[in-house]
Amino acid sequence: MTLLQSLCFNLPWMLLSQDLFLSTNLSMNLCLLVISLTIYLIMTGIRYLWVAVSQKHLSKKSRLIFSISGIHGTITLAIALSIPVAFENGELFSMRDELIFIATAAIFISLVVPMFSFPLLLEKERKENLYGYDISEARIQMLTRVTQEVASNVPVDETNQLRTVLKVLKKN
């Protein structure tokens, strides 16, 4: 997990007061989760339409993969975290914690949905090799061919440089 992802997960949960979960009822928390899910679905729909318009050659499946890929809402979370706790006149911003929760939940959903949908959407890796080659054997053949080609085209005065290059290629 990257630093950005860690911050997006941990920081909001630490900043949210426990009063949000202790003082509110279950229906309020479920309402916030539904709002988060709705926001995620709207963002995904907009991304799908954007990909459909800008990348017309892609299939519907590829458009869907593009639209659910990546973290959605990190800028929203940054904006929500920048909301002051109180206004200049001392009045508290009443829904700050809820906004942070919604943004954090939308990010969490955008990380969880691809984790479960990609195995269904993406093609499984094929067990057999299409061309019947072992990858390591193909690599050896490529290196051999490259060294032969380089050796046949090198002038006599650059022979020492060629030997060095060939040693490096043979090690890899």
C-alpha atoms as a PDB file:
ATOM      1  CA  MET A   1       0.000   0.000   0.000  1.00  0.00           C
ATOM      2  CA  THR A   2       1.385   3.385  -0.938  1.00  0.00           C
ATOM      3  CA  LEU A   3       1.795   6.317   1.407  1.00  0.00           C
ATOM      4  CA  LEU A   4      -1.138   8.105  -0.225  1.00  0.00           C
ATOM      5  CA  GLN A   5      -3.390   5.095   0.259  1.00  0.00           C
ATOM      6  CA  SER A   6      -2.284   4.751   3.877  1.00  0.00           C
ATOM      7  CA  LEU A   7      -3.037   8.389   4.553  1.00  0.00           C
ATOM      8  CA  CYS A   8      -6.396   8.105   2.840  1.00  0.00           C
ATOM      9  CA  PHE A   9      -7.324   5.156   5.041  1.00  0.00           C
ATOM     10  CA  ASN A  10      -5.810   5.967   8.405  1.00  0.00           C
ATOM     11  CA  LEU A  11      -5.882   9.737   8.768  1.00  0.00           C
ATOM     12  CA  PRO A  12      -9.636  10.244   8.346  1.00  0.00           C
ATOM     13  CA  TRP A  13     -10.490   7.414  10.715  1.00  0.00           C
ATOM     14  CA  MET A  14      -8.200   8.912  13.341  1.00  0.00           C
ATOM     15  CA  LEU A  15      -9.616  12.401  12.803  1.00  0.00           C
ATOM     16  CA  LEU A  16     -13.224  11.350  13.016  1.00  0.00           C
ATOM     17  CA  SER A  17     -14.485  11.747  16.508  1.00  0.00           C
ATOM     18  CA  GLN A  18     -15.824   8.620  18.106  1.00  0.00           C
ATOM     19  CA  ASP A  19     -18.965  10.618  18.855  1.00  0.00           C
ATOM     20  CA  LEU A  20     -20.054  10.044  15.261  1.00  0.00           C
ATOM     21  CA  PHE A  21     -20.332   6.312  15.912  1.00  0.00           C
ATOM     22  CA  LEU A  22     -21.320   6.379  19.574  1.00  0.00           C
ATOM     23  CA  SER A  23     -23.920   9.150  19.579  1.00  0.00           C
ATOM     24  CA  THR A  24     -25.653   8.414  16.282  1.00  0.00           C
ATOM     25  CA  ASN A  25     -27.919   5.519  15.604  1.00  0.00           C
ATOM     26  CA  LEU A  26     -27.334   2.732  13.125  1.00  0.00           C
ATOM     27  CA  SER A  27     -29.691   4.227  10.558  1.00  0.00           C
ATOM     28  CA  MET A  28     -27.579   7.421  10.374  1.00  0.00           C
ATOM     29  CA  ASN A  29     -24.413   5.412   9.731  1.00  0.00           C
ATOM     30  CA  LEU A  30     -26.169   3.297   7.101  1.00  0.00           C
ATOM     31  CA  CYS A  31     -27.484   6.481   5.482  1.00  0.00           C
ATOM     32  CA  LEU A  32     -23.911   7.837   5.276  1.00  0.00           C
ATOM     33  CA  LEU A  33     -22.736   4.561   3.719  1.00  0.00           C
ATOM     34  CA  VAL A  34     -25.568   4.677   1.156  1.00  0.00           C
ATOM     35  CA  ILE A  35     -24.602   8.257   0.306  1.00  0.00           C
ATOM     36  CA  SER A  36     -20.976   7.128  -0.135  1.00  0.00           C
ATOM     37  CA  LEU A  37     -22.014   4.236  -2.352  1.00  0.00           C
ATOM     38  CA  THR A  38     -24.230   6.539  -4.416  1.00  0.00           C
ATOM     39  CA  ILE A  39     -21.376   9.003  -4.877  1.00  0.00           C
ATOM     40  CA  TYR A  40     -19.068   6.141  -5.933  1.00  0.00           C
ATOM     41  CA  LEU A  41     -21.627   4.872  -8.462  1.00  0.00           C
ATOM     42  CA  ILE A  42     -22.113   8.363  -9.899  1.00  0.00           C
ATOM     43  CA  MET A  43     -18.326   8.845 -10.187  1.00  0.00           C
ATOM     44  CA  THR A  44     -17.970   5.455 -11.850  1.00  0.00           C
ATOM     45  CA  GLY A  45     -20.810   6.237 -14.263  1.00  0.00           C
ATOM     46  CA  ILE A  46     -19.247   9.570 -15.207  1.00  0.00           C
ATOM     47  CA  ARG A  47     -15.865   7.929 -15.735  1.00  0.00           C
ATOM     48  CA  TYR A  48     -17.504   5.236 -17.894  1.00  0.00           C
ATOM     49  CA  LEU A  49     -19.185   7.875 -20.047  1.00  0.00           C
ATOM     50  CA  TRP A  50     -15.948   9.848 -20.320  1.00  0.00           C
ATOM     51  CA  VAL A  51     -14.051   6.742 -21.466  1.00  0.00           C
ATOM     52  CA  ALA A  52     -16.881   5.836 -23.862  1.00  0.00           C
ATOM     53  CA  VAL A  53     -16.723   9.274 -25.485  1.00  0.00           C
ATOM     54  CA  SER A  54     -12.940   9.665 -25.539  1.00  0.00           C
ATOM     55  CA  GLN A  55     -11.979   6.044 -26.325  1.00  0.00           C
ATOM     56  CA  LYS A  56     -14.657   4.874 -28.754  1.00  0.00           C
ATOM     57  CA  HIS A  57     -12.613   1.909 -29.968  1.00  0.00           C
ATOM     58  CA  LEU A  58     -12.719   0.172 -26.564  1.00  0.00           C
ATOM     59  CA  SER A  59     -15.200  -2.558 -25.755  1.00  0.00           C
ATOM     60  CA  LYS A  60     -17.813  -2.137 -23.026  1.00  0.00           C
ATOM     61  CA  LYS A  61     -15.821  -4.460 -20.810  1.00  0.00           C
ATOM     62  CA  SER A  62     -12.644  -2.396 -21.246  1.00  0.00           C
ATOM     63  CA  ARG A  63     -14.579   0.791 -20.529  1.00  0.00           C
ATOM     64  CA  LEU A  64     -15.884  -0.738 -17.319  1.00  0.00           C
ATOM     65  CA  ILE A  65     -12.388  -1.800 -16.285  1.00  0.00           C
ATOM     66  CA  PHE A  66     -11.101   1.729 -16.905  1.00  0.00           C
ATOM     67  CA  SER A  67     -13.974   3.288 -14.989  1.00  0.00           C
ATOM     68  CA  ILE A  68     -13.536   1.252 -11.804  1.00  0.00           C
ATOM     69  CA  SER A  69      -9.737   1.376 -11.799  1.00  0.00           C
ATOM     70  CA  GLY A  70      -7.897   3.635  -9.393  1.00  0.00           C
ATOM     71  CA  ILE A  71      -8.657   5.484  -6.218  1.00  0.00           C
ATOM     72  CA  HIS A  72     -11.608   7.838  -6.456  1.00  0.00           C
ATOM     73  CA  GLY A  73     -12.137  10.696  -4.044  1.00  0.00           C
ATOM     74  CA  THR A  74      -8.726  11.585  -2.659  1.00  0.00           C
ATOM     75  CA  ILE A  75      -9.130  15.219  -3.703  1.00  0.00           C
ATOM     76  CA  THR A  76     -12.598  15.205  -2.160  1.00  0.00           C
ATOM     77  CA  LEU A  77     -11.122  13.907   1.066  1.00  0.00           C
ATOM     78  CA  ALA A  78      -8.433  16.582   1.020  1.00  0.00           C
ATOM     79  CA  ILE A  79     -11.116  19.228   0.605  1.00  0.00           C
ATOM     80  CA  ALA A  80     -13.232  17.689   3.373  1.00  0.00           C
ATOM     81  CA  LEU A  81     -10.230  17.647   5.713  1.00  0.00           C
ATOM     82  CA  SER A  82      -9.572  21.316   4.963  1.00  0.00           C
ATOM     83  CA  ILE A  83     -13.025  22.321   6.204  1.00  0.00           C
ATOM     84  CA  PRO A  84     -12.531  24.170   9.491  1.00  0.00           C
ATOM     85  CA  VAL A  85     -13.947  22.728  12.687  1.00  0.00           C
ATOM     86  CA  ALA A  86     -15.519  26.100  13.480  1.00  0.00           C
ATOM     87  CA  PHE A  87     -16.255  29.297  11.601  1.00  0.00           C
ATOM     88  CA  GLU A  88     -14.593  32.598  12.481  1.00  0.00           C
ATOM     89  CA  ASN A  89     -17.549  33.563  14.650  1.00  0.00           C
ATOM     90  CA  GLY A  90     -17.046  30.427  16.775  1.00  0.00           C
ATOM     91  CA  GLU A  91     -19.990  28.503  15.375  1.00  0.00           C
ATOM     92  CA  LEU A  92     -19.141  24.833  14.788  1.00  0.00           C
ATOM     93  CA  PHE A  93     -19.347  23.335  11.302  1.00  0.00           C
ATOM     94  CA  SER A  94     -22.003  20.773  12.105  1.00  0.00           C
ATOM     95  CA  MET A  95     -21.526  18.173   9.358  1.00  0.00           C
ATOM     96  CA  ARG A  96     -17.714  18.110   9.059  1.00  0.00           C
ATOM     97  CA  ASP A  97     -17.287  14.625  10.505  1.00  0.00           C
ATOM     98  CA  GLU A  98     -20.041  13.250   8.304  1.00  0.00           C
ATOM     99  CA  LEU A  99     -18.469  14.756   5.180  1.00  0.00           C
ATOM    100  CA  ILE A 100     -15.095  13.238   6.076  1.00  0.00           C
ATOM    101  CA  PHE A 101     -16.767   9.885   6.688  1.00  0.00           C
ATOM    102  CA  ILE A 102     -18.562  10.003   3.305  1.00  0.00           C
ATOM    103  CA  ALA A 103     -15.340  10.898   1.457  1.00  0.00           C
ATOM    104  CA  THR A 104     -13.385   8.184   3.270  1.00  0.00           C
ATOM    105  CA  ALA A 105     -16.053   5.572   2.639  1.00  0.00           C
ATOM    106  CA  ALA A 106     -16.157   6.487  -1.069  1.00  0.00           C
ATOM    107  CA  ILE A 107     -12.381   5.980  -1.256  1.00  0.00           C
ATOM    108  CA  PHE A 108     -12.657   2.679   0.603  1.00  0.00           C
ATOM    109  CA  ILE A 109     -15.395   1.506  -1.788  1.00  0.00           C
ATOM    110  CA  SER A 110     -13.224   2.530  -4.757  1.00  0.00           C
ATOM    111  CA  LEU A 111     -10.461   0.293  -3.427  1.00  0.00           C
ATOM    112  CA  VAL A 112     -12.650  -2.683  -2.528  1.00  0.00           C
ATOM    113  CA  VAL A 113     -14.839  -2.862  -5.661  1.00  0.00           C
ATOM    114  CA  PRO A 114     -11.922  -3.462  -8.077  1.00  0.00           C
ATOM    115  CA  MET A 115     -10.473  -6.057  -5.727  1.00  0.00           C
ATOM    116  CA  PHE A 116     -13.593  -8.197  -6.151  1.00  0.00           C
ATOM    117  CA  SER A 117     -14.584  -7.253  -9.702  1.00  0.00           C
ATOM    118  CA  PHE A 118     -11.226  -7.521 -11.488  1.00  0.00           C
ATOM    119  CA  PRO A 119     -10.953 -11.295 -11.070  1.00  0.00           C
ATOM    120  CA  LEU A 120     -14.366 -11.565 -12.717  1.00  0.00           C
ATOM    121  CA  LEU A 121     -13.710  -9.021 -15.472  1.00  0.00           C
ATOM    122  CA  LEU A 122     -10.144  -9.811 -16.454  1.00  0.00           C
ATOM    123  CA  GLU A 123      -9.222 -12.894 -18.417  1.00  0.00           C
ATOM    124  CA  LYS A 124      -7.557 -15.663 -16.535  1.00  0.00           C
ATOM    125  CA  GLU A 125      -3.878 -16.278 -17.247  1.00  0.00           C
ATOM    126  CA  ARG A 126      -3.407 -19.167 -19.590  1.00  0.00           C
ATOM    127  CA  LYS A 127      -1.481 -22.084 -18.184  1.00  0.00           C
ATOM    128  CA  GLU A 128      -0.078 -23.310 -21.476  1.00  0.00           C
ATOM    129  CA  ASN A 129       2.286 -21.321 -23.599  1.00  0.00           C
ATOM    130  CA  LEU A 130       0.732 -20.309 -26.917  1.00  0.00           C
ATOM    131  CA  TYR A 131       3.876 -20.907 -28.961  1.00  0.00           C
ATOM    132  CA  GLY A 132       5.206 -23.957 -27.157  1.00  0.00           C
ATOM    133  CA  TYR A 133       8.371 -22.151 -25.985  1.00  0.00           C
ATOM    134  CA  ASP A 134       9.772 -22.111 -22.534  1.00  0.00           C
ATOM    135  CA  ILE A 135      10.293 -18.440 -21.602  1.00  0.00           C
ATOM    136  CA  SER A 136      13.849 -19.000 -20.381  1.00  0.00           C
ATOM    137  CA  GLU A 137      14.710 -20.868 -23.589  1.00  0.00           C
ATOM    138  CA  ALA A 138      13.272 -18.052 -25.697  1.00  0.00           C
ATOM    139  CA  ARG A 139      15.324 -15.545 -23.715  1.00  0.00           C
ATOM    140  CA  ILE A 140      18.511 -17.525 -24.304  1.00  0.00           C
ATOM    141  CA  GLN A 141      17.759 -17.712 -28.021  1.00  0.00           C
ATOM    142  CA  MET A 142      17.170 -13.965 -28.190  1.00  0.00           C
ATOM    143  CA  LEU A 143      20.422 -13.182 -26.383  1.00  0.00           C
ATOM    144  CA  THR A 144      22.347 -15.592 -28.593  1.00  0.00           C
ATOM    145  CA  ARG A 145      20.919 -14.019 -31.721  1.00  0.00           C
ATOM    146  CA  VAL A 146      21.666 -10.488 -30.468  1.00  0.00           C
ATOM    147  CA  THR A 147      25.271 -11.348 -29.560  1.00  0.00           C
ATOM    148  CA  GLN A 148      25.836 -12.980 -32.948  1.00  0.00           C
ATOM    149  CA  GLU A 149      24.386  -9.972 -34.747  1.00  0.00           C
ATOM    150  CA  VAL A 150      26.444  -7.511 -32.696  1.00  0.00           C
ATOM    151  CA  ALA A 151      29.621  -9.573 -33.135  1.00  0.00           C
ATOM    152  CA  SER A 152      29.219  -9.682 -36.911  1.00  0.00           C
ATOM    153  CA  ASN A 153      28.812  -5.891 -37.178  1.00  0.00           C
ATOM    154  CA  VAL A 154      31.597  -4.663 -34.855  1.00  0.00           C
ATOM    155  CA  PRO A 155      34.838  -3.250 -36.312  1.00  0.00           C
ATOM    156  CA  VAL A 156      38.122  -4.823 -35.190  1.00  0.00           C
ATOM    157  CA  ASP A 157      39.197  -1.826 -33.052  1.00  0.00           C
ATOM    158  CA  GLU A 158      36.073  -2.131 -30.877  1.00  0.00           C
ATOM    159  CA  THR A 159      36.595  -5.787 -30.000  1.00  0.00           C
ATOM    160  CA  ASN A 160      37.373  -5.104 -26.313  1.00  0.00           C
ATOM    161  CA  GLN A 161      34.165  -3.140 -25.915  1.00  0.00           C
ATOM    162  CA  LEU A 162      32.276  -5.965 -27.584  1.00  0.00           C
ATOM    163  CA  ARG A 163      33.746  -8.524 -25.172  1.00  0.00           C
ATOM    164  CA  THR A 164      32.546  -6.435 -22.236  1.00  0.00           C
ATOM    165  CA  VAL A 165      29.051  -6.157 -23.678  1.00  0.00           C
ATOM    166  CA  LEU A 166      28.906  -9.883 -24.367  1.00  0.00           C
ATOM    167  CA  LYS A 167      29.997 -10.697 -20.812  1.00  0.00           C
ATOM    168  CA  VAL A 168      27.207  -8.537 -19.442  1.00  0.00           C
ATOM    169  CA  LEU A 169      24.648 -10.091 -21.763  1.00  0.00           C
ATOM    170  CA  LYS A 170      25.724 -13.621 -20.882  1.00  0.00           C
ATOM    171  CA  LYS A 171      25.428 -12.888 -17.145  1.00  0.00           C
ATOM    172  CA  ASN A 172      21.843 -11.741 -17.588  1.00  0.00           C
END
